């Protein structure tokens, strides 16, 4: 699902957007509420620690999700990408952090 397919369009006034977009915005999740909250905490923590190093952030997010929820997690961190994945039931989340940084995590 792309951001456009999810009904998300980037606003025209990006400065105003980034001021209000400090909180993570979950665009899609089929996880339970508790699992989603824990996953968001893990994702936000590592993307804030490594805002420019997407590979490092993805690696740390995967490592922590594997420890917390069992192995076989996949993580994509970046901007301007689309996706189509197959995942286990209730094991997928896509969110925006720091305004426009997309993070997709799923278990397969």
PDB file of N, CA and C in Angstrom:
ATOM      1  N   UNK A   1       0.847  -1.161   0.000  1.00  0.00           N
ATOM      2  CA  UNK A   1       0.000   0.000   0.000  1.00  0.00           C
ATOM      3  C   UNK A   1       0.900   1.234   0.000  1.00  0.00           C
ATOM      4  N   UNK A   2       0.665   2.136  -0.909  1.00  0.00           N
ATOM      5  CA  UNK A   2       1.435   3.372  -0.947  1.00  0.00           C
ATOM      6  C   UNK A   2       0.783   4.398  -0.032  1.00  0.00           C
ATOM      7  N   UNK A   3       1.515   5.460   0.243  1.00  0.00           N
ATOM      8  CA  UNK A   3       0.971   6.525   1.082  1.00  0.00           C
ATOM      9  C   UNK A   3      -0.269   7.126   0.432  1.00  0.00           C
ATOM     10  N   UNK A   4      -0.236   7.282  -0.894  1.00  0.00           N
ATOM     11  CA  UNK A   4      -1.392   7.836  -1.599  1.00  0.00           C
ATOM     12  C   UNK A   4      -2.589   6.900  -1.504  1.00  0.00           C
ATOM     13  N   UNK A   5      -2.347   5.584  -1.627  1.00  0.00           N
ATOM     14  CA  UNK A   5      -3.435   4.611  -1.512  1.00  0.00           C
ATOM     15  C   UNK A   5      -4.018   4.605  -0.105  1.00  0.00           C
ATOM     16  N   UNK A   6      -3.183   4.901   0.887  1.00  0.00           N
ATOM     17  CA  UNK A   6      -3.649   4.937   2.270  1.00  0.00           C
ATOM     18  C   UNK A   6      -4.390   6.232   2.575  1.00  0.00           C
ATOM     19  N   UNK A   7      -4.469   7.124   1.583  1.00  0.00           N
ATOM     20  CA  UNK A   7      -5.194   8.368   1.776  1.00  0.00           C
ATOM     21  C   UNK A   7      -4.340   9.466   2.383  1.00  0.00           C
ATOM     22  N   UNK A   8      -3.034   9.329   2.325  1.00  0.00           N
ATOM     23  CA  UNK A   8      -2.135  10.306   2.919  1.00  0.00           C
ATOM     24  C   UNK A   8      -1.482  11.136   1.831  1.00  0.00           C
ATOM     25  N   UNK A   9      -1.617  12.436   1.920  1.00  0.00           N
ATOM     26  CA  UNK A   9      -0.950  13.349   0.997  1.00  0.00           C
ATOM     27  C   UNK A   9      -0.116  14.315   1.819  1.00  0.00           C
ATOM     28  N   UNK A  10       1.092  14.587   1.354  1.00  0.00           N
ATOM     29  CA  UNK A  10       1.960  15.520   2.058  1.00  0.00           C
ATOM     30  C   UNK A  10       1.366  16.924   1.951  1.00  0.00           C
ATOM     31  N   UNK A  11       1.316  17.661   3.060  1.00  0.00           N
ATOM     32  CA  UNK A  11       0.766  19.013   3.030  1.00  0.00           C
ATOM     33  C   UNK A  11       1.677  19.973   2.268  1.00  0.00           C
ATOM     34  N   UNK A  12       1.104  21.069   1.798  1.00  0.00           N
ATOM     35  CA  UNK A  12       1.868  22.043   1.030  1.00  0.00           C
ATOM     36  C   UNK A  12       2.810  22.859   1.923  1.00  0.00           C
ATOM     37  N   UNK A  13       2.404  23.183   3.137  1.00  0.00           N
ATOM     38  CA  UNK A  13       3.234  23.950   4.066  1.00  0.00           C
ATOM     39  C   UNK A  13       4.018  22.975   4.947  1.00  0.00           C
ATOM     40  N   UNK A  14       5.181  22.556   4.465  1.00  0.00           N
ATOM     41  CA  UNK A  14       5.956  21.518   5.147  1.00  0.00           C
ATOM     42  C   UNK A  14       6.487  21.974   6.503  1.00  0.00           C
ATOM     43  N   UNK A  15       6.834  23.246   6.668  1.00  0.00           N
ATOM     44  CA  UNK A  15       7.327  23.722   7.963  1.00  0.00           C
ATOM     45  C   UNK A  15       6.259  23.554   9.037  1.00  0.00           C
ATOM     46  N   UNK A  16       5.037  23.929   8.720  1.00  0.00           N
ATOM     47  CA  UNK A  16       3.938  23.768   9.673  1.00  0.00           C
ATOM     48  C   UNK A  16       3.686  22.290   9.949  1.00  0.00           C
ATOM     49  N   UNK A  17       3.790  21.483   8.909  1.00  0.00           N
ATOM     50  CA  UNK A  17       3.573  20.042   9.073  1.00  0.00           C
ATOM     51  C   UNK A  17       4.587  19.434  10.034  1.00  0.00           C
ATOM     52  N   UNK A  18       5.868  19.759   9.865  1.00  0.00           N
ATOM     53  CA  UNK A  18       6.896  19.164  10.709  1.00  0.00           C
ATOM     54  C   UNK A  18       6.779  19.612  12.162  1.00  0.00           C
ATOM     55  N   UNK A  19       6.214  20.794  12.406  1.00  0.00           N
ATOM     56  CA  UNK A  19       6.006  21.253  13.777  1.00  0.00           C
ATOM     57  C   UNK A  19       4.962  20.399  14.493  1.00  0.00           C
ATOM     58  N   UNK A  20       3.944  19.967  13.767  1.00  0.00           N
ATOM     59  CA  UNK A  20       2.893  19.169  14.400  1.00  0.00           C
ATOM     60  C   UNK A  20       3.117  17.669  14.244  1.00  0.00           C
ATOM     61  N   UNK A  21       4.088  17.275  13.425  1.00  0.00           N
ATOM     62  CA  UNK A  21       4.298  15.856  13.124  1.00  0.00           C
ATOM     63  C   UNK A  21       5.406  15.236  13.968  1.00  0.00           C
ATOM     64  N   UNK A  22       5.584  15.714  15.177  1.00  0.00           N
ATOM     65  CA  UNK A  22       6.628  15.162  16.036  1.00  0.00           C
ATOM     66  C   UNK A  22       6.234  13.792  16.583  1.00  0.00           C
ATOM     67  N   UNK A  23       4.964  13.578  16.767  1.00  0.00           N
ATOM     68  CA  UNK A  23       4.489  12.288  17.253  1.00  0.00           C
ATOM     69  C   UNK A  23       4.414  11.309  16.089  1.00  0.00           C
ATOM     70  N   UNK A  24       4.634  10.025  16.367  1.00  0.00           N
ATOM     71  CA  UNK A  24       4.521   9.033  15.292  1.00  0.00           C
ATOM     72  C   UNK A  24       3.077   8.929  14.801  1.00  0.00           C
ATOM     73  N   UNK A  25       2.936   8.708  13.516  1.00  0.00           N
ATOM     74  CA  UNK A  25       1.621   8.576  12.899  1.00  0.00           C
ATOM     75  C   UNK A  25       1.503   7.172  12.323  1.00  0.00           C
ATOM     76  N   UNK A  26       0.715   6.327  12.966  1.00  0.00           N
ATOM     77  CA  UNK A  26       0.527   4.955  12.495  1.00  0.00           C
ATOM     78  C   UNK A  26      -0.443   5.002  11.323  1.00  0.00           C
ATOM     79  N   UNK A  27       0.060   4.648  10.139  1.00  0.00           N
ATOM     80  CA  UNK A  27      -0.758   4.672   8.933  1.00  0.00           C
ATOM     81  C   UNK A  27      -1.492   3.350   8.734  1.00  0.00           C
ATOM     82  N   UNK A  28      -0.885   2.249   9.164  1.00  0.00           N
ATOM     83  CA  UNK A  28      -1.521   0.937   9.050  1.00  0.00           C
ATOM     84  C   UNK A  28      -0.964   0.033  10.136  1.00  0.00           C
ATOM     85  N   UNK A  29      -1.830  -0.726  10.744  1.00  0.00           N
ATOM     86  CA  UNK A  29      -1.396  -1.743  11.696  1.00  0.00           C
ATOM     87  C   UNK A  29      -2.509  -2.763  11.858  1.00  0.00           C
ATOM     88  N   UNK A  30      -2.122  -4.033  11.862  1.00  0.00           N
ATOM     89  CA  UNK A  30      -3.097  -5.071  12.172  1.00  0.00           C
ATOM     90  C   UNK A  30      -2.730  -5.752  13.490  1.00  0.00           C
ATOM     91  N   UNK A  31      -1.862  -5.093  14.270  1.00  0.00           N
ATOM     92  CA  UNK A  31      -1.417  -5.623  15.559  1.00  0.00           C
ATOM     93  C   UNK A  31      -2.454  -5.329  16.641  1.00  0.00           C
ATOM     94  N   UNK A  32      -2.337  -6.058  17.747  1.00  0.00           N
ATOM     95  CA  UNK A  32      -3.155  -5.728  18.906  1.00  0.00           C
ATOM     96  C   UNK A  32      -2.688  -4.379  19.451  1.00  0.00           C
ATOM     97  N   UNK A  33      -3.517  -3.724  20.228  1.00  0.00           N
ATOM     98  CA  UNK A  33      -3.182  -2.404  20.778  1.00  0.00           C
ATOM     99  C   UNK A  33      -1.893  -2.455  21.599  1.00  0.00           C
ATOM    100  N   UNK A  34      -1.761  -3.446  22.462  1.00  0.00           N
ATOM    101  CA  UNK A  34      -0.569  -3.561  23.311  1.00  0.00           C
ATOM    102  C   UNK A  34       0.692  -3.786  22.472  1.00  0.00           C
ATOM    103  N   UNK A  35       0.607  -4.680  21.511  1.00  0.00           N
ATOM    104  CA  UNK A  35       1.754  -4.967  20.655  1.00  0.00           C
ATOM    105  C   UNK A  35       2.124  -3.740  19.819  1.00  0.00           C
ATOM    106  N   UNK A  36       1.119  -3.037  19.309  1.00  0.00           N
ATOM    107  CA  UNK A  36       1.355  -1.834  18.515  1.00  0.00           C
ATOM    108  C   UNK A  36       2.078  -0.773  19.346  1.00  0.00           C
ATOM    109  N   UNK A  37       1.651  -0.564  20.585  1.00  0.00           N
ATOM    110  CA  UNK A  37       2.292   0.432  21.448  1.00  0.00           C
ATOM    111  C   UNK A  37       3.750   0.080  21.712  1.00  0.00           C
ATOM    112  N   UNK A  38       4.023  -1.198  21.971  1.00  0.00           N
ATOM    113  CA  UNK A  38       5.399  -1.629  22.215  1.00  0.00           C
ATOM    114  C   UNK A  38       6.249  -1.488  20.956  1.00  0.00           C
ATOM    115  N   UNK A  39       5.698  -1.846  19.804  1.00  0.00           N
ATOM    116  CA  UNK A  39       6.430  -1.725  18.541  1.00  0.00           C
ATOM    117  C   UNK A  39       6.719  -0.261  18.221  1.00  0.00           C
ATOM    118  N   UNK A  40       5.751   0.615  18.430  1.00  0.00           N
ATOM    119  CA  UNK A  40       5.951   2.042  18.175  1.00  0.00           C
ATOM    120  C   UNK A  40       7.059   2.589  19.071  1.00  0.00           C
ATOM    121  N   UNK A  41       7.073   2.198  20.342  1.00  0.00           N
ATOM    122  CA  UNK A  41       8.132   2.645  21.256  1.00  0.00           C
ATOM    123  C   UNK A  41       9.510   2.219  20.756  1.00  0.00           C
ATOM    124  N   UNK A  42       9.622   0.975  20.314  1.00  0.00           N
ATOM    125  CA  UNK A  42      10.899   0.463  19.789  1.00  0.00           C
ATOM    126  C   UNK A  42      11.302   1.240  18.537  1.00  0.00           C
ATOM    127  N   UNK A  43      10.364   1.406  17.617  1.00  0.00           N
ATOM    128  CA  UNK A  43      10.650   2.075  16.346  1.00  0.00           C
ATOM    129  C   UNK A  43      11.047   3.533  16.561  1.00  0.00           C
ATOM    130  N   UNK A  44      10.278   4.250  17.355  1.00  0.00           N
ATOM    131  CA  UNK A  44      10.567   5.666  17.598  1.00  0.00           C
ATOM    132  C   UNK A  44      11.920   5.831  18.289  1.00  0.00           C
ATOM    133  N   UNK A  45      12.197   4.987  19.264  1.00  0.00           N
ATOM    134  CA  UNK A  45      13.467   5.083  19.979  1.00  0.00           C
ATOM    135  C   UNK A  45      14.670   4.967  19.063  1.00  0.00           C
ATOM    136  N   UNK A  46      14.646   3.998  18.170  1.00  0.00           N
ATOM    137  CA  UNK A  46      15.801   3.773  17.299  1.00  0.00           C
ATOM    138  C   UNK A  46      15.876   4.750  16.129  1.00  0.00           C
ATOM    139  N   UNK A  47      14.741   5.215  15.636  1.00  0.00           N
ATOM    140  CA  UNK A  47      14.806   6.204  14.557  1.00  0.00           C
ATOM    141  C   UNK A  47      15.251   7.562  15.091  1.00  0.00           C
ATOM    142  N   UNK A  48      14.916   7.878  16.337  1.00  0.00           N
ATOM    143  CA  UNK A  48      15.384   9.136  16.923  1.00  0.00           C
ATOM    144  C   UNK A  48      16.878   9.081  17.234  1.00  0.00           C
ATOM    145  N   UNK A  49      17.383   7.907  17.605  1.00  0.00           N
ATOM    146  CA  UNK A  49      18.815   7.762  17.888  1.00  0.00           C
ATOM    147  C   UNK A  49      19.650   7.800  16.614  1.00  0.00           C
ATOM    148  N   UNK A  50      19.089   7.336  15.504  1.00  0.00           N
ATOM    149  CA  UNK A  50      19.811   7.251  14.227  1.00  0.00           C
ATOM    150  C   UNK A  50      18.968   7.857  13.103  1.00  0.00           C
ATOM    151  N   UNK A  51      18.705   9.170  13.150  1.00  0.00           N
ATOM    152  CA  UNK A  51      17.795   9.776  12.165  1.00  0.00           C
ATOM    153  C   UNK A  51      18.315   9.791  10.730  1.00  0.00           C
ATOM    154  N   UNK A  52      19.611   9.738  10.538  1.00  0.00           N
ATOM    155  CA  UNK A  52      20.183   9.777   9.185  1.00  0.00           C
ATOM    156  C   UNK A  52      20.707   8.424   8.723  1.00  0.00           C
ATOM    157  N   UNK A  53      20.898   7.504   9.649  1.00  0.00           N
ATOM    158  CA  UNK A  53      21.442   6.184   9.321  1.00  0.00           C
ATOM    159  C   UNK A  53      20.299   5.165   9.307  1.00  0.00           C
ATOM    160  N   UNK A  54      19.594   5.100   8.176  1.00  0.00           N
ATOM    161  CA  UNK A  54      18.420   4.236   8.064  1.00  0.00           C
ATOM    162  C   UNK A  54      18.771   2.768   8.249  1.00  0.00           C
ATOM    163  N   UNK A  55      19.921   2.360   7.731  1.00  0.00           N
ATOM    164  CA  UNK A  55      20.328   0.961   7.839  1.00  0.00           C
ATOM    165  C   UNK A  55      20.549   0.563   9.300  1.00  0.00           C
ATOM    166  N   UNK A  56      21.207   1.414  10.057  1.00  0.00           N
ATOM    167  CA  UNK A  56      21.457   1.142  11.479  1.00  0.00           C
ATOM    168  C   UNK A  56      20.138   1.106  12.247  1.00  0.00           C
ATOM    169  N   UNK A  57      19.264   2.071  11.985  1.00  0.00           N
ATOM    170  CA  UNK A  57      17.967   2.107  12.656  1.00  0.00           C
ATOM    171  C   UNK A  57      17.169   0.846  12.348  1.00  0.00           C
ATOM    172  N   UNK A  58      17.128   0.445  11.076  1.00  0.00           N
ATOM    173  CA  UNK A  58      16.382  -0.758  10.681  1.00  0.00           C
ATOM    174  C   UNK A  58      16.949  -1.999  11.356  1.00  0.00           C
ATOM    175  N   UNK A  59      18.267  -2.092  11.417  1.00  0.00           N
ATOM    176  CA  UNK A  59      18.916  -3.242  12.043  1.00  0.00           C
ATOM    177  C   UNK A  59      18.573  -3.335  13.529  1.00  0.00           C
ATOM    178  N   UNK A  60      18.625  -2.205  14.234  1.00  0.00           N
ATOM    179  CA  UNK A  60      18.312  -2.201  15.665  1.00  0.00           C
ATOM    180  C   UNK A  60      16.828  -2.464  15.923  1.00  0.00           C
ATOM    181  N   UNK A  61      15.964  -1.915  15.076  1.00  0.00           N
ATOM    182  CA  UNK A  61      14.528  -2.172  15.218  1.00  0.00           C
ATOM    183  C   UNK A  61      14.253  -3.657  15.035  1.00  0.00           C
ATOM    184  N   UNK A  62      14.816  -4.258  13.991  1.00  0.00           N
ATOM    185  CA  UNK A  62      14.630  -5.689  13.737  1.00  0.00           C
ATOM    186  C   UNK A  62      15.121  -6.516  14.917  1.00  0.00           C
ATOM    187  N   UNK A  63      16.308  -6.195  15.407  1.00  0.00           N
ATOM    188  CA  UNK A  63      16.888  -6.930  16.532  1.00  0.00           C
ATOM    189  C   UNK A  63      15.974  -6.879  17.756  1.00  0.00           C
ATOM    190  N   UNK A  64      15.438  -5.712  18.058  1.00  0.00           N
ATOM    191  CA  UNK A  64      14.565  -5.567  19.218  1.00  0.00           C
ATOM    192  C   UNK A  64      13.198  -6.209  19.015  1.00  0.00           C
ATOM    193  N   UNK A  65      12.643  -6.116  17.807  1.00  0.00           N
ATOM    194  CA  UNK A  65      11.369  -6.790  17.537  1.00  0.00           C
ATOM    195  C   UNK A  65      11.536  -8.304  17.613  1.00  0.00           C
ATOM    196  N   UNK A  66      12.668  -8.817  17.109  1.00  0.00           N
ATOM    197  CA  UNK A  66      12.948 -10.257  17.205  1.00  0.00           C
ATOM    198  C   UNK A  66      13.004 -10.704  18.661  1.00  0.00           C
ATOM    199  N   UNK A  67      13.644  -9.918  19.510  1.00  0.00           N
ATOM    200  CA  UNK A  67      13.746 -10.263  20.938  1.00  0.00           C
ATOM    201  C   UNK A  67      12.385 -10.201  21.624  1.00  0.00           C
ATOM    202  N   UNK A  68      11.617  -9.161  21.303  1.00  0.00           N
ATOM    203  CA  UNK A  68      10.345  -8.927  21.990  1.00  0.00           C
ATOM    204  C   UNK A  68       9.224  -9.851  21.508  1.00  0.00           C
ATOM    205  N   UNK A  69       9.143 -10.087  20.187  1.00  0.00           N
ATOM    206  CA  UNK A  69       8.000 -10.799  19.616  1.00  0.00           C
ATOM    207  C   UNK A  69       8.364 -12.076  18.868  1.00  0.00           C
ATOM    208  N   UNK A  70       9.599 -12.538  18.969  1.00  0.00           N
ATOM    209  CA  UNK A  70      10.021 -13.735  18.252  1.00  0.00           C
ATOM    210  C   UNK A  70      10.676 -13.375  16.926  1.00  0.00           C
ATOM    211  N   UNK A  71      11.401 -14.326  16.359  1.00  0.00           N
ATOM    212  CA  UNK A  71      12.217 -14.045  15.175  1.00  0.00           C
ATOM    213  C   UNK A  71      11.413 -13.892  13.886  1.00  0.00           C
ATOM    214  N   UNK A  72      12.120 -13.557  12.834  1.00  0.00           N
ATOM    215  CA  UNK A  72      11.618 -13.419  11.456  1.00  0.00           C
ATOM    216  C   UNK A  72      10.973 -12.078  11.154  1.00  0.00           C
ATOM    217  N   UNK A  73      11.371 -11.013  11.834  1.00  0.00           N
ATOM    218  CA  UNK A  73      10.878  -9.676  11.520  1.00  0.00           C
ATOM    219  C   UNK A  73      11.695  -9.069  10.393  1.00  0.00           C
ATOM    220  N   UNK A  74      11.034  -8.268   9.580  1.00  0.00           N
ATOM    221  CA  UNK A  74      11.665  -7.520   8.495  1.00  0.00           C
ATOM    222  C   UNK A  74      11.339  -6.049   8.720  1.00  0.00           C
ATOM    223  N   UNK A  75      12.300  -5.179   8.417  1.00  0.00           N
ATOM    224  CA  UNK A  75      12.114  -3.746   8.666  1.00  0.00           C
ATOM    225  C   UNK A  75      12.659  -2.944   7.488  1.00  0.00           C
ATOM    226  N   UNK A  76      11.874  -1.981   7.032  1.00  0.00           N
ATOM    227  CA  UNK A  76      12.306  -1.042   6.001  1.00  0.00           C
ATOM    228  C   UNK A  76      12.161   0.360   6.585  1.00  0.00           C
ATOM    229  N   UNK A  77      13.241   1.141   6.519  1.00  0.00           N
ATOM    230  CA  UNK A  77      13.230   2.522   6.991  1.00  0.00           C
ATOM    231  C   UNK A  77      13.650   3.409   5.826  1.00  0.00           C
ATOM    232  N   UNK A  78      12.867   4.435   5.532  1.00  0.00           N
ATOM    233  CA  UNK A  78      13.243   5.336   4.450  1.00  0.00           C
ATOM    234  C   UNK A  78      12.120   6.275   4.073  1.00  0.00           C
ATOM    235  N   UNK A  79      12.342   6.975   2.975  1.00  0.00           N
ATOM    236  CA  UNK A  79      11.360   7.919   2.467  1.00  0.00           C
ATOM    237  C   UNK A  79      11.025   7.568   1.024  1.00  0.00           C
ATOM    238  N   UNK A  80       9.817   7.865   0.636  1.00  0.00           N
ATOM    239  CA  UNK A  80       9.374   7.733  -0.760  1.00  0.00           C
ATOM    240  C   UNK A  80       9.488   6.315  -1.301  1.00  0.00           C
ATOM    241  N   UNK A  81       8.857   5.382  -0.647  1.00  0.00           N
ATOM    242  CA  UNK A  81       8.813   4.019  -1.160  1.00  0.00           C
ATOM    243  C   UNK A  81       7.396   3.482  -1.044  1.00  0.00           C
ATOM    244  N   UNK A  82       7.096   2.492  -1.844  1.00  0.00           N
ATOM    245  CA  UNK A  82       5.814   1.803  -1.738  1.00  0.00           C
ATOM    246  C   UNK A  82       6.107   0.364  -1.350  1.00  0.00           C
ATOM    247  N   UNK A  83       5.082  -0.347  -0.948  1.00  0.00           N
ATOM    248  CA  UNK A  83       5.307  -1.718  -0.509  1.00  0.00           C
ATOM    249  C   UNK A  83       4.089  -2.585  -0.758  1.00  0.00           C
ATOM    250  N   UNK A  84       4.363  -3.854  -0.850  1.00  0.00           N
ATOM    251  CA  UNK A  84       3.334  -4.889  -0.858  1.00  0.00           C
ATOM    252  C   UNK A  84       3.982  -6.111  -0.234  1.00  0.00           C
ATOM    253  N   UNK A  85       3.506  -6.501   0.930  1.00  0.00           N
ATOM    254  CA  UNK A  85       4.121  -7.606   1.658  1.00  0.00           C
ATOM    255  C   UNK A  85       3.065  -8.605   2.100  1.00  0.00           C
ATOM    256  N   UNK A  86       3.524  -9.809   2.349  1.00  0.00           N
ATOM    257  CA  UNK A  86       2.701 -10.841   2.960  1.00  0.00           C
ATOM    258  C   UNK A  86       3.232 -11.031   4.368  1.00  0.00           C
ATOM    259  N   UNK A  87       2.343 -10.978   5.336  1.00  0.00           N
ATOM    260  CA  UNK A  87       2.802 -11.096   6.718  1.00  0.00           C
ATOM    261  C   UNK A  87       1.898 -12.045   7.494  1.00  0.00           C
ATOM    262  N   UNK A  88       2.404 -12.471   8.643  1.00  0.00           N
ATOM    263  CA  UNK A  88       1.601 -13.289   9.542  1.00  0.00           C
ATOM    264  C   UNK A  88       0.457 -12.432  10.082  1.00  0.00           C
ATOM    265  N   UNK A  89      -0.599 -13.077  10.527  1.00  0.00           N
ATOM    266  CA  UNK A  89      -1.747 -12.359  11.071  1.00  0.00           C
ATOM    267  C   UNK A  89      -1.330 -11.509  12.265  1.00  0.00           C
ATOM    268  N   UNK A  90      -1.781 -10.276  12.276  1.00  0.00           N
ATOM    269  CA  UNK A  90      -1.525  -9.329  13.364  1.00  0.00           C
ATOM    270  C   UNK A  90      -0.045  -9.104  13.620  1.00  0.00           C
ATOM    271  N   UNK A  91       0.737  -9.024  12.538  1.00  0.00           N
ATOM    272  CA  UNK A  91       2.186  -8.869  12.671  1.00  0.00           C
ATOM    273  C   UNK A  91       2.745  -7.824  11.706  1.00  0.00           C
ATOM    274  N   UNK A  92       2.024  -6.737  11.444  1.00  0.00           N
ATOM    275  CA  UNK A  92       2.491  -5.736  10.482  1.00  0.00           C
ATOM    276  C   UNK A  92       2.149  -4.332  10.976  1.00  0.00           C
ATOM    277  N   UNK A  93       3.091  -3.406  10.758  1.00  0.00           N
ATOM    278  CA  UNK A  93       2.854  -2.006  11.111  1.00  0.00           C
ATOM    279  C   UNK A  93       3.613  -1.109  10.139  1.00  0.00           C
ATOM    280  N   UNK A  94       2.965  -0.028   9.734  1.00  0.00           N
ATOM    281  CA  UNK A  94       3.599   1.001   8.905  1.00  0.00           C
ATOM    282  C   UNK A  94       3.297   2.337   9.555  1.00  0.00           C
ATOM    283  N   UNK A  95       4.335   3.108   9.845  1.00  0.00           N
ATOM    284  CA  UNK A  95       4.126   4.392  10.469  1.00  0.00           C
ATOM    285  C   UNK A  95       5.108   5.431   9.954  1.00  0.00           C
ATOM    286  N   UNK A  96       4.755   6.681  10.184  1.00  0.00           N
ATOM    287  CA  UNK A  96       5.625   7.806   9.865  1.00  0.00           C
ATOM    288  C   UNK A  96       6.156   8.361  11.176  1.00  0.00           C
ATOM    289  N   UNK A  97       7.459   8.560  11.236  1.00  0.00           N
ATOM    290  CA  UNK A  97       8.091   9.164  12.406  1.00  0.00           C
ATOM    291  C   UNK A  97       8.871  10.386  11.944  1.00  0.00           C
ATOM    292  N   UNK A  98       9.069  11.314  12.828  1.00  0.00           N
ATOM    293  CA  UNK A  98       9.814  12.545  12.523  1.00  0.00           C
ATOM    294  C   UNK A  98       9.272  13.234  11.272  1.00  0.00           C
ATOM    295  N   UNK A  99       7.976  13.184  11.104  1.00  0.00           N
ATOM    296  CA  UNK A  99       7.337  13.893  10.000  1.00  0.00           C
ATOM    297  C   UNK A  99       7.164  13.101   8.732  1.00  0.00           C
ATOM    298  N   UNK A 100       8.271  12.614   8.149  1.00  0.00           N
ATOM    299  CA  UNK A 100       8.151  11.983   6.837  1.00  0.00           C
ATOM    300  C   UNK A 100       8.970  10.711   6.677  1.00  0.00           C
ATOM    301  N   UNK A 101       9.525  10.201   7.748  1.00  0.00           N
ATOM    302  CA  UNK A 101      10.328   8.980   7.671  1.00  0.00           C
ATOM    303  C   UNK A 101       9.413   7.771   7.852  1.00  0.00           C
ATOM    304  N   UNK A 102       9.284   6.971   6.812  1.00  0.00           N
ATOM    305  CA  UNK A 102       8.419   5.801   6.861  1.00  0.00           C
ATOM    306  C   UNK A 102       9.146   4.593   7.426  1.00  0.00           C
ATOM    307  N   UNK A 103       8.459   3.857   8.293  1.00  0.00           N
ATOM    308  CA  UNK A 103       9.007   2.616   8.845  1.00  0.00           C
ATOM    309  C   UNK A 103       7.953   1.528   8.669  1.00  0.00           C
ATOM    310  N   UNK A 104       8.333   0.485   7.959  1.00  0.00           N
ATOM    311  CA  UNK A 104       7.478  -0.674   7.737  1.00  0.00           C
ATOM    312  C   UNK A 104       8.120  -1.862   8.432  1.00  0.00           C
ATOM    313  N   UNK A 105       7.360  -2.532   9.295  1.00  0.00           N
ATOM    314  CA  UNK A 105       7.854  -3.719   9.996  1.00  0.00           C
ATOM    315  C   UNK A 105       6.808  -4.809   9.876  1.00  0.00           C
ATOM    316  N   UNK A 106       7.263  -6.010   9.520  1.00  0.00           N
ATOM    317  CA  UNK A 106       6.342  -7.136   9.404  1.00  0.00           C
ATOM    318  C   UNK A 106       7.067  -8.427   9.712  1.00  0.00           C
ATOM    319  N   UNK A 107       6.285  -9.396  10.136  1.00  0.00           N
ATOM    320  CA  UNK A 107       6.818 -10.722  10.447  1.00  0.00           C
ATOM    321  C   UNK A 107       6.319 -11.687   9.390  1.00  0.00           C
ATOM    322  N   UNK A 108       7.247 -12.486   8.866  1.00  0.00           N
ATOM    323  CA  UNK A 108       6.879 -13.430   7.808  1.00  0.00           C
ATOM    324  C   UNK A 108       7.510 -14.768   8.088  1.00  0.00           C
TER     325      UNK A 108
END
